[in-house]
Amino acid sequence: MTGREDPKENDLFFLCSLIDYIGRKTKNYRSTVVNALGRKELQHLYDYADVYHCENLDKVADELVEKHHIETGYFDNVAAARYAVPSSWDIGKVYQRLILDVARATNNDVIDTLMRVYDSWITRKIDNYNSSMYYESPNYLFESYKAGTVLV
């Protein structure tokens, strides 16, 4: 055992970070971005993440926004934040861990799980940077997701 992360886990991390980056850039809920990209594009980005991560992130994001006609929305969680804002990479890691936990527990495909997680209630909690939800442990996020509510 080398302790190294599985390359596909890193690909998922990149994809989740890219989703957040596009969401910030277009001021959209992350579920809006995921649904605009669609399953086929998400699978493609996941399959070729090792290539895309070598590209300029702005260029990749701009091409996807144009290709999928993602219009500017009104969700600006960065501007609304009163405290330190986590990077897209920080949030990508939060989503990557949650998606992997859910996929393993349900024995479902990673992309199907990604779409379900981003379309769930928990994204509004994680993406509210005025709360501490994105700082919570991966296990807490997973158990909250399973329970369908924030655990107390």
N, C-alpha and C. Protein backbone atom coordinates (compact mmCIF):
# COMPACT_ATOMS: atom_id res chain seq x y z
N MET A 1 0.85 -1.18 0.00
CA MET A 1 0.00 0.00 0.00
C MET A 1 0.89 1.24 0.00
N THR A 2 0.67 2.10 -0.97
CA THR A 2 1.51 3.28 -1.11
C THR A 2 0.92 4.50 -0.42
N GLY A 3 -0.36 4.45 -0.09
CA GLY A 3 -1.00 5.60 0.54
C GLY A 3 -1.41 6.65 -0.49
N ARG A 4 -1.18 6.36 -1.76
CA ARG A 4 -1.53 7.32 -2.81
C ARG A 4 -3.01 7.20 -3.16
N GLU A 5 -3.57 8.31 -3.56
CA GLU A 5 -4.97 8.35 -3.95
C GLU A 5 -5.17 7.68 -5.31
N ASP A 6 -6.25 6.97 -5.45
CA ASP A 6 -6.63 6.37 -6.72
C ASP A 6 -6.75 7.49 -7.76
N PRO A 7 -6.18 7.31 -8.95
CA PRO A 7 -6.26 8.36 -9.98
C PRO A 7 -7.70 8.78 -10.31
N LYS A 8 -8.65 7.85 -10.27
CA LYS A 8 -10.04 8.21 -10.56
C LYS A 8 -10.63 9.08 -9.46
N GLU A 9 -10.15 8.90 -8.23
CA GLU A 9 -10.60 9.79 -7.15
C GLU A 9 -10.09 11.20 -7.40
N ASN A 10 -8.86 11.30 -7.89
CA ASN A 10 -8.31 12.62 -8.23
C ASN A 10 -9.07 13.23 -9.40
N ASP A 11 -9.49 12.40 -10.35
CA ASP A 11 -10.29 12.89 -11.48
C ASP A 11 -11.63 13.45 -11.00
N LEU A 12 -12.23 12.78 -10.03
CA LEU A 12 -13.48 13.26 -9.45
C LEU A 12 -13.25 14.58 -8.71
N PHE A 13 -12.15 14.69 -8.00
CA PHE A 13 -11.79 15.93 -7.31
C PHE A 13 -11.69 17.08 -8.32
N PHE A 14 -11.02 16.84 -9.44
CA PHE A 14 -10.91 17.86 -10.47
C PHE A 14 -12.29 18.25 -10.99
N LEU A 15 -13.13 17.27 -11.29
CA LEU A 15 -14.46 17.54 -11.83
C LEU A 15 -15.30 18.35 -10.84
N CYS A 16 -15.28 17.98 -9.58
CA CYS A 16 -16.04 18.73 -8.57
C CYS A 16 -15.52 20.16 -8.42
N SER A 17 -14.21 20.32 -8.49
CA SER A 17 -13.61 21.66 -8.41
C SER A 17 -14.00 22.49 -9.63
N LEU A 18 -14.02 21.86 -10.78
CA LEU A 18 -14.42 22.54 -12.01
C LEU A 18 -15.88 22.98 -11.94
N ILE A 19 -16.74 22.13 -11.43
CA ILE A 19 -18.16 22.48 -11.27
C ILE A 19 -18.29 23.70 -10.38
N ASP A 20 -17.56 23.72 -9.26
CA ASP A 20 -17.62 24.86 -8.37
C ASP A 20 -17.08 26.11 -9.05
N TYR A 21 -16.00 25.97 -9.77
CA TYR A 21 -15.38 27.10 -10.47
C TYR A 21 -16.36 27.70 -11.48
N ILE A 22 -17.02 26.86 -12.26
CA ILE A 22 -18.00 27.34 -13.23
C ILE A 22 -19.18 28.00 -12.51
N GLY A 23 -19.61 27.40 -11.40
CA GLY A 23 -20.70 27.98 -10.62
C GLY A 23 -20.36 29.37 -10.11
N ARG A 24 -19.15 29.55 -9.63
CA ARG A 24 -18.73 30.88 -9.16
C ARG A 24 -18.65 31.86 -10.32
N LYS A 25 -18.08 31.40 -11.40
CA LYS A 25 -17.87 32.25 -12.58
C LYS A 25 -19.19 32.72 -13.18
N THR A 26 -20.20 31.85 -13.17
CA THR A 26 -21.50 32.17 -13.77
C THR A 26 -22.56 32.54 -12.74
N LYS A 27 -22.18 32.54 -11.47
CA LYS A 27 -23.11 32.87 -10.38
C LYS A 27 -24.35 31.96 -10.40
N ASN A 28 -24.09 30.67 -10.50
CA ASN A 28 -25.16 29.69 -10.53
C ASN A 28 -25.01 28.69 -9.40
N TYR A 29 -26.15 28.13 -8.99
CA TYR A 29 -26.10 27.01 -8.07
C TYR A 29 -25.33 25.90 -8.77
N ARG A 30 -24.63 25.12 -7.99
CA ARG A 30 -23.81 24.06 -8.58
C ARG A 30 -24.69 23.01 -9.27
N SER A 31 -25.90 22.82 -8.76
CA SER A 31 -26.83 21.89 -9.41
C SER A 31 -27.21 22.41 -10.80
N THR A 32 -27.30 23.71 -10.97
CA THR A 32 -27.60 24.29 -12.28
C THR A 32 -26.48 23.96 -13.26
N VAL A 33 -25.25 24.06 -12.80
CA VAL A 33 -24.09 23.75 -13.64
C VAL A 33 -24.10 22.27 -14.01
N VAL A 34 -24.30 21.41 -13.02
CA VAL A 34 -24.32 19.97 -13.26
C VAL A 34 -25.40 19.60 -14.27
N ASN A 35 -26.59 20.15 -14.09
CA ASN A 35 -27.69 19.84 -15.00
C ASN A 35 -27.47 20.41 -16.39
N ALA A 36 -26.83 21.57 -16.49
CA ALA A 36 -26.53 22.15 -17.79
C ALA A 36 -25.50 21.31 -18.54
N LEU A 37 -24.52 20.81 -17.83
CA LEU A 37 -23.50 19.98 -18.46
C LEU A 37 -24.09 18.63 -18.89
N GLY A 38 -24.93 18.06 -18.06
CA GLY A 38 -25.56 16.79 -18.38
C GLY A 38 -24.65 15.60 -18.15
N ARG A 39 -25.26 14.45 -18.07
CA ARG A 39 -24.54 13.22 -17.73
C ARG A 39 -23.42 12.90 -18.72
N LYS A 40 -23.71 13.03 -20.01
CA LYS A 40 -22.73 12.67 -21.04
C LYS A 40 -21.46 13.53 -20.92
N GLU A 41 -21.64 14.83 -20.77
CA GLU A 41 -20.47 15.74 -20.63
C GLU A 41 -19.74 15.48 -19.32
N LEU A 42 -20.48 15.28 -18.25
CA LEU A 42 -19.84 14.99 -16.96
C LEU A 42 -18.99 13.73 -17.05
N GLN A 43 -19.53 12.71 -17.70
CA GLN A 43 -18.77 11.46 -17.87
C GLN A 43 -17.51 11.72 -18.69
N HIS A 44 -17.63 12.49 -19.75
CA HIS A 44 -16.48 12.83 -20.59
C HIS A 44 -15.42 13.58 -19.79
N LEU A 45 -15.85 14.57 -19.02
CA LEU A 45 -14.91 15.35 -18.21
C LEU A 45 -14.22 14.47 -17.17
N TYR A 46 -14.96 13.56 -16.60
CA TYR A 46 -14.41 12.62 -15.61
C TYR A 46 -13.42 11.67 -16.27
N ASP A 47 -13.79 11.14 -17.43
CA ASP A 47 -12.92 10.20 -18.13
C ASP A 47 -11.62 10.83 -18.61
N TYR A 48 -11.68 12.11 -18.94
CA TYR A 48 -10.50 12.80 -19.48
C TYR A 48 -9.98 13.90 -18.55
N ALA A 49 -10.28 13.79 -17.28
CA ALA A 49 -9.84 14.79 -16.31
C ALA A 49 -8.33 14.94 -16.27
N ASP A 50 -7.61 13.84 -16.49
CA ASP A 50 -6.15 13.92 -16.46
C ASP A 50 -5.62 14.79 -17.60
N VAL A 51 -6.38 14.92 -18.67
CA VAL A 51 -6.00 15.82 -19.78
C VAL A 51 -6.46 17.24 -19.47
N TYR A 52 -7.72 17.39 -19.03
CA TYR A 52 -8.28 18.72 -18.77
C TYR A 52 -7.55 19.45 -17.65
N HIS A 53 -7.06 18.73 -16.68
CA HIS A 53 -6.40 19.45 -15.58
C HIS A 53 -5.07 20.06 -15.99
N CYS A 54 -4.57 19.69 -17.16
CA CYS A 54 -3.34 20.30 -17.70
C CYS A 54 -3.65 21.59 -18.45
N GLU A 55 -4.92 21.84 -18.72
CA GLU A 55 -5.35 23.04 -19.44
C GLU A 55 -5.54 24.20 -18.45
N ASN A 56 -5.63 25.38 -18.98
CA ASN A 56 -5.95 26.56 -18.19
C ASN A 56 -7.41 26.42 -17.72
N LEU A 57 -7.63 26.52 -16.41
CA LEU A 57 -8.97 26.30 -15.85
C LEU A 57 -9.98 27.31 -16.40
N ASP A 58 -9.57 28.56 -16.57
CA ASP A 58 -10.47 29.57 -17.14
C ASP A 58 -10.89 29.19 -18.54
N LYS A 59 -9.96 28.70 -19.34
CA LYS A 59 -10.24 28.31 -20.72
C LYS A 59 -11.24 27.15 -20.75
N VAL A 60 -10.99 26.13 -19.95
CA VAL A 60 -11.89 24.98 -19.89
C VAL A 60 -13.29 25.42 -19.46
N ALA A 61 -13.34 26.25 -18.41
CA ALA A 61 -14.63 26.73 -17.91
C ALA A 61 -15.35 27.55 -18.98
N ASP A 62 -14.64 28.47 -19.62
CA ASP A 62 -15.27 29.31 -20.65
C ASP A 62 -15.81 28.48 -21.81
N GLU A 63 -15.05 27.48 -22.23
CA GLU A 63 -15.51 26.61 -23.33
C GLU A 63 -16.77 25.84 -22.94
N LEU A 64 -16.82 25.37 -21.70
CA LEU A 64 -18.01 24.62 -21.25
C LEU A 64 -19.22 25.54 -21.10
N VAL A 65 -18.99 26.74 -20.59
CA VAL A 65 -20.08 27.71 -20.44
C VAL A 65 -20.68 28.03 -21.80
N GLU A 66 -19.80 28.26 -22.78
CA GLU A 66 -20.27 28.57 -24.12
C GLU A 66 -20.96 27.37 -24.78
N LYS A 67 -20.33 26.22 -24.71
CA LYS A 67 -20.87 25.01 -25.35
C LYS A 67 -22.25 24.64 -24.82
N HIS A 68 -22.45 24.82 -23.51
CA HIS A 68 -23.70 24.39 -22.87
C HIS A 68 -24.63 25.56 -22.56
N HIS A 69 -24.29 26.73 -23.08
CA HIS A 69 -25.15 27.91 -22.95
C HIS A 69 -25.53 28.19 -21.50
N ILE A 70 -24.54 28.17 -20.63
CA ILE A 70 -24.79 28.44 -19.21
C ILE A 70 -24.82 29.95 -19.02
N GLU A 71 -25.98 30.45 -18.72
CA GLU A 71 -26.15 31.90 -18.56
C GLU A 71 -25.81 32.33 -17.14
N THR A 72 -25.55 33.61 -16.98
CA THR A 72 -25.25 34.16 -15.67
C THR A 72 -26.49 34.12 -14.80
N GLY A 73 -26.31 33.61 -13.58
CA GLY A 73 -27.42 33.51 -12.65
C GLY A 73 -27.32 34.57 -11.56
N TYR A 74 -27.93 34.29 -10.43
CA TYR A 74 -28.00 35.25 -9.34
C TYR A 74 -27.46 34.70 -8.02
N PHE A 75 -26.88 33.51 -8.07
CA PHE A 75 -26.37 32.89 -6.84
C PHE A 75 -24.88 33.22 -6.71
N ASP A 76 -24.57 34.19 -5.89
CA ASP A 76 -23.18 34.60 -5.69
C ASP A 76 -22.80 34.37 -4.23
N ASN A 77 -22.50 33.10 -3.93
CA ASN A 77 -22.17 32.76 -2.55
C ASN A 77 -20.82 33.33 -2.13
N VAL A 78 -19.98 33.69 -3.06
CA VAL A 78 -18.68 34.29 -2.73
C VAL A 78 -18.90 35.72 -2.24
N ALA A 79 -19.68 36.51 -2.97
CA ALA A 79 -19.95 37.89 -2.57
C ALA A 79 -20.75 37.94 -1.27
N ALA A 80 -21.61 36.95 -1.05
CA ALA A 80 -22.45 36.92 0.15
C ALA A 80 -21.69 36.47 1.40
N ALA A 81 -20.51 35.92 1.21
CA ALA A 81 -19.75 35.38 2.35
C ALA A 81 -19.23 36.51 3.24
N ARG A 82 -19.42 36.33 4.53
CA ARG A 82 -18.93 37.30 5.51
C ARG A 82 -17.59 36.87 6.09
N TYR A 83 -17.20 35.64 5.81
CA TYR A 83 -15.97 35.10 6.38
C TYR A 83 -15.05 34.64 5.25
N ALA A 84 -13.97 34.02 5.59
CA ALA A 84 -13.02 33.54 4.59
C ALA A 84 -13.71 32.57 3.64
N VAL A 85 -13.46 32.73 2.37
CA VAL A 85 -14.10 31.91 1.34
C VAL A 85 -13.16 30.77 0.96
N PRO A 86 -13.66 29.55 1.04
CA PRO A 86 -12.82 28.42 0.61
C PRO A 86 -12.62 28.47 -0.90
N SER A 87 -11.52 27.93 -1.37
CA SER A 87 -11.26 27.92 -2.81
C SER A 87 -12.15 26.87 -3.50
N SER A 88 -12.21 26.94 -4.80
CA SER A 88 -12.93 25.91 -5.55
C SER A 88 -12.30 24.54 -5.33
N TRP A 89 -11.00 24.52 -5.11
CA TRP A 89 -10.30 23.26 -4.84
C TRP A 89 -10.72 22.72 -3.47
N ASP A 90 -10.87 23.61 -2.49
CA ASP A 90 -11.32 23.18 -1.15
C ASP A 90 -12.72 22.56 -1.24
N ILE A 91 -13.61 23.24 -1.95
CA ILE A 91 -14.98 22.75 -2.07
C ILE A 91 -15.03 21.49 -2.94
N GLY A 92 -14.18 21.43 -3.95
CA GLY A 92 -14.09 20.22 -4.78
C GLY A 92 -13.75 19.00 -3.95
N LYS A 93 -12.86 19.18 -2.98
CA LYS A 93 -12.45 18.06 -2.11
C LYS A 93 -13.62 17.64 -1.21
N VAL A 94 -14.38 18.60 -0.72
CA VAL A 94 -15.55 18.29 0.11
C VAL A 94 -16.55 17.43 -0.68
N TYR A 95 -16.86 17.87 -1.88
CA TYR A 95 -17.81 17.12 -2.72
C TYR A 95 -17.23 15.78 -3.15
N GLN A 96 -15.96 15.74 -3.50
CA GLN A 96 -15.35 14.48 -3.91
C GLN A 96 -15.52 13.43 -2.82
N ARG A 97 -15.20 13.78 -1.60
CA ARG A 97 -15.30 12.82 -0.49
C ARG A 97 -16.74 12.37 -0.27
N LEU A 98 -17.67 13.32 -0.31
CA LEU A 98 -19.07 12.97 -0.09
C LEU A 98 -19.58 12.05 -1.21
N ILE A 99 -19.28 12.38 -2.43
CA ILE A 99 -19.72 11.57 -3.57
C ILE A 99 -19.14 10.17 -3.49
N LEU A 100 -17.86 10.06 -3.17
CA LEU A 100 -17.24 8.74 -3.04
C LEU A 100 -17.89 7.93 -1.92
N ASP A 101 -18.16 8.58 -0.78
CA ASP A 101 -18.81 7.87 0.33
C ASP A 101 -20.20 7.37 -0.07
N VAL A 102 -20.96 8.23 -0.74
CA VAL A 102 -22.32 7.85 -1.14
C VAL A 102 -22.26 6.74 -2.20
N ALA A 103 -21.36 6.89 -3.18
CA ALA A 103 -21.24 5.87 -4.24
C ALA A 103 -20.85 4.52 -3.66
N ARG A 104 -19.94 4.51 -2.72
CA ARG A 104 -19.51 3.24 -2.10
C ARG A 104 -20.64 2.62 -1.29
N ALA A 105 -21.37 3.45 -0.56
CA ALA A 105 -22.44 2.94 0.30
C ALA A 105 -23.62 2.40 -0.52
N THR A 106 -23.86 3.01 -1.67
CA THR A 106 -25.01 2.61 -2.48
C THR A 106 -24.61 1.70 -3.64
N ASN A 107 -23.31 1.53 -3.82
CA ASN A 107 -22.78 0.71 -4.92
C ASN A 107 -23.25 1.25 -6.27
N ASN A 108 -23.29 2.58 -6.38
CA ASN A 108 -23.74 3.23 -7.61
C ASN A 108 -22.58 3.85 -8.37
N ASP A 109 -22.82 4.13 -9.62
CA ASP A 109 -21.88 4.79 -10.50
C ASP A 109 -21.52 6.19 -9.95
N VAL A 110 -20.28 6.57 -10.11
CA VAL A 110 -19.79 7.85 -9.57
C VAL A 110 -20.52 9.03 -10.21
N ILE A 111 -20.71 9.03 -11.51
CA ILE A 111 -21.36 10.17 -12.16
C ILE A 111 -22.84 10.25 -11.79
N ASP A 112 -23.52 9.12 -11.72
CA ASP A 112 -24.92 9.14 -11.26
C ASP A 112 -25.00 9.67 -9.83
N THR A 113 -24.07 9.24 -9.00
CA THR A 113 -24.03 9.70 -7.61
C THR A 113 -23.73 11.19 -7.56
N LEU A 114 -22.79 11.65 -8.36
CA LEU A 114 -22.46 13.07 -8.41
C LEU A 114 -23.72 13.89 -8.73
N MET A 115 -24.46 13.46 -9.72
CA MET A 115 -25.67 14.19 -10.11
C MET A 115 -26.71 14.19 -8.99
N ARG A 116 -26.86 13.07 -8.30
CA ARG A 116 -27.81 12.99 -7.19
C ARG A 116 -27.38 13.88 -6.03
N VAL A 117 -26.10 13.84 -5.69
CA VAL A 117 -25.61 14.66 -4.57
C VAL A 117 -25.78 16.14 -4.87
N TYR A 118 -25.38 16.58 -6.07
CA TYR A 118 -25.50 18.00 -6.41
C TYR A 118 -26.96 18.44 -6.51
N ASP A 119 -27.87 17.53 -6.82
CA ASP A 119 -29.29 17.88 -6.88
C ASP A 119 -29.99 17.76 -5.52
N SER A 120 -29.24 17.43 -4.48
CA SER A 120 -29.85 17.23 -3.16
C SER A 120 -29.81 18.49 -2.30
N TRP A 121 -30.48 18.40 -1.20
CA TRP A 121 -30.59 19.50 -0.24
C TRP A 121 -29.22 19.92 0.32
N ILE A 122 -28.28 19.01 0.39
CA ILE A 122 -27.02 19.29 1.10
C ILE A 122 -26.15 20.33 0.39
N THR A 123 -26.33 20.48 -0.93
CA THR A 123 -25.50 21.45 -1.64
C THR A 123 -25.77 22.88 -1.17
N ARG A 124 -27.01 23.18 -0.84
CA ARG A 124 -27.33 24.55 -0.36
C ARG A 124 -26.65 24.80 0.97
N LYS A 125 -26.48 23.75 1.75
CA LYS A 125 -25.81 23.89 3.05
C LYS A 125 -24.30 24.02 2.86
N ILE A 126 -23.72 23.17 2.04
CA ILE A 126 -22.27 23.21 1.82
C ILE A 126 -21.87 24.51 1.14
N ASP A 127 -22.68 24.98 0.20
CA ASP A 127 -22.34 26.18 -0.56
C ASP A 127 -22.69 27.48 0.14
N ASN A 128 -23.20 27.41 1.36
CA ASN A 128 -23.44 28.60 2.18
C ASN A 128 -22.18 28.83 3.01
N TYR A 129 -21.33 29.72 2.55
CA TYR A 129 -20.05 29.95 3.21
C TYR A 129 -20.18 30.73 4.52
N ASN A 130 -21.39 31.14 4.87
CA ASN A 130 -21.62 31.77 6.16
C ASN A 130 -21.98 30.73 7.23
N SER A 131 -22.06 29.49 6.82
CA SER A 131 -22.26 28.40 7.78
C SER A 131 -20.96 27.62 7.87
N SER A 132 -20.96 26.63 8.69
CA SER A 132 -19.72 25.84 8.85
C SER A 132 -19.84 24.46 8.20
N MET A 133 -20.88 24.25 7.41
CA MET A 133 -21.13 22.91 6.87
C MET A 133 -19.97 22.38 6.04
N TYR A 134 -19.34 23.24 5.24
CA TYR A 134 -18.25 22.75 4.40
C TYR A 134 -17.00 22.40 5.20
N TYR A 135 -16.94 22.84 6.45
CA TYR A 135 -15.82 22.50 7.33
C TYR A 135 -16.03 21.19 8.07
N GLU A 136 -17.24 20.66 8.05
CA GLU A 136 -17.55 19.46 8.81
C GLU A 136 -16.77 18.25 8.28
N SER A 137 -16.65 17.25 9.10
CA SER A 137 -15.90 16.06 8.72
C SER A 137 -16.64 15.31 7.60
N PRO A 138 -15.90 14.60 6.77
CA PRO A 138 -16.54 13.82 5.71
C PRO A 138 -17.61 12.86 6.24
N ASN A 139 -17.33 12.24 7.38
CA ASN A 139 -18.30 11.31 7.96
C ASN A 139 -19.59 12.03 8.38
N TYR A 140 -19.46 13.21 8.97
CA TYR A 140 -20.63 13.98 9.37
C TYR A 140 -21.47 14.35 8.14
N LEU A 141 -20.81 14.80 7.09
CA LEU A 141 -21.54 15.16 5.86
C LEU A 141 -22.26 13.94 5.28
N PHE A 142 -21.58 12.81 5.26
CA PHE A 142 -22.18 11.58 4.74
C PHE A 142 -23.38 11.16 5.57
N GLU A 143 -23.24 11.15 6.89
CA GLU A 143 -24.35 10.75 7.75
C GLU A 143 -25.52 11.73 7.65
N SER A 144 -25.23 13.01 7.52
CA SER A 144 -26.29 14.02 7.33
C SER A 144 -27.00 13.78 6.00
N TYR A 145 -26.21 13.53 4.97
CA TYR A 145 -26.79 13.26 3.64
C TYR A 145 -27.72 12.04 3.72
N LYS A 146 -27.26 10.97 4.35
CA LYS A 146 -28.08 9.76 4.48
C LYS A 146 -29.36 10.05 5.26
N ALA A 147 -29.24 10.87 6.30
CA ALA A 147 -30.39 11.17 7.15
C ALA A 147 -31.37 12.14 6.46
N GLY A 148 -30.88 12.86 5.46
CA GLY A 148 -31.73 13.82 4.76
C GLY A 148 -31.88 15.14 5.49
N THR A 149 -31.03 15.36 6.48
CA THR A 149 -31.08 16.60 7.25
C THR A 149 -29.75 16.81 7.98
N VAL A 150 -29.52 18.03 8.39
CA VAL A 150 -28.31 18.33 9.17
C VAL A 150 -28.47 17.67 10.53
N LEU A 151 -27.48 16.89 10.90
CA LEU A 151 -27.52 16.23 12.20
C LEU A 151 -27.11 17.19 13.30
N VAL A 152 -27.72 17.03 14.44
CA VAL A 152 -27.39 17.90 15.58
C VAL A 152 -26.60 17.16 16.60
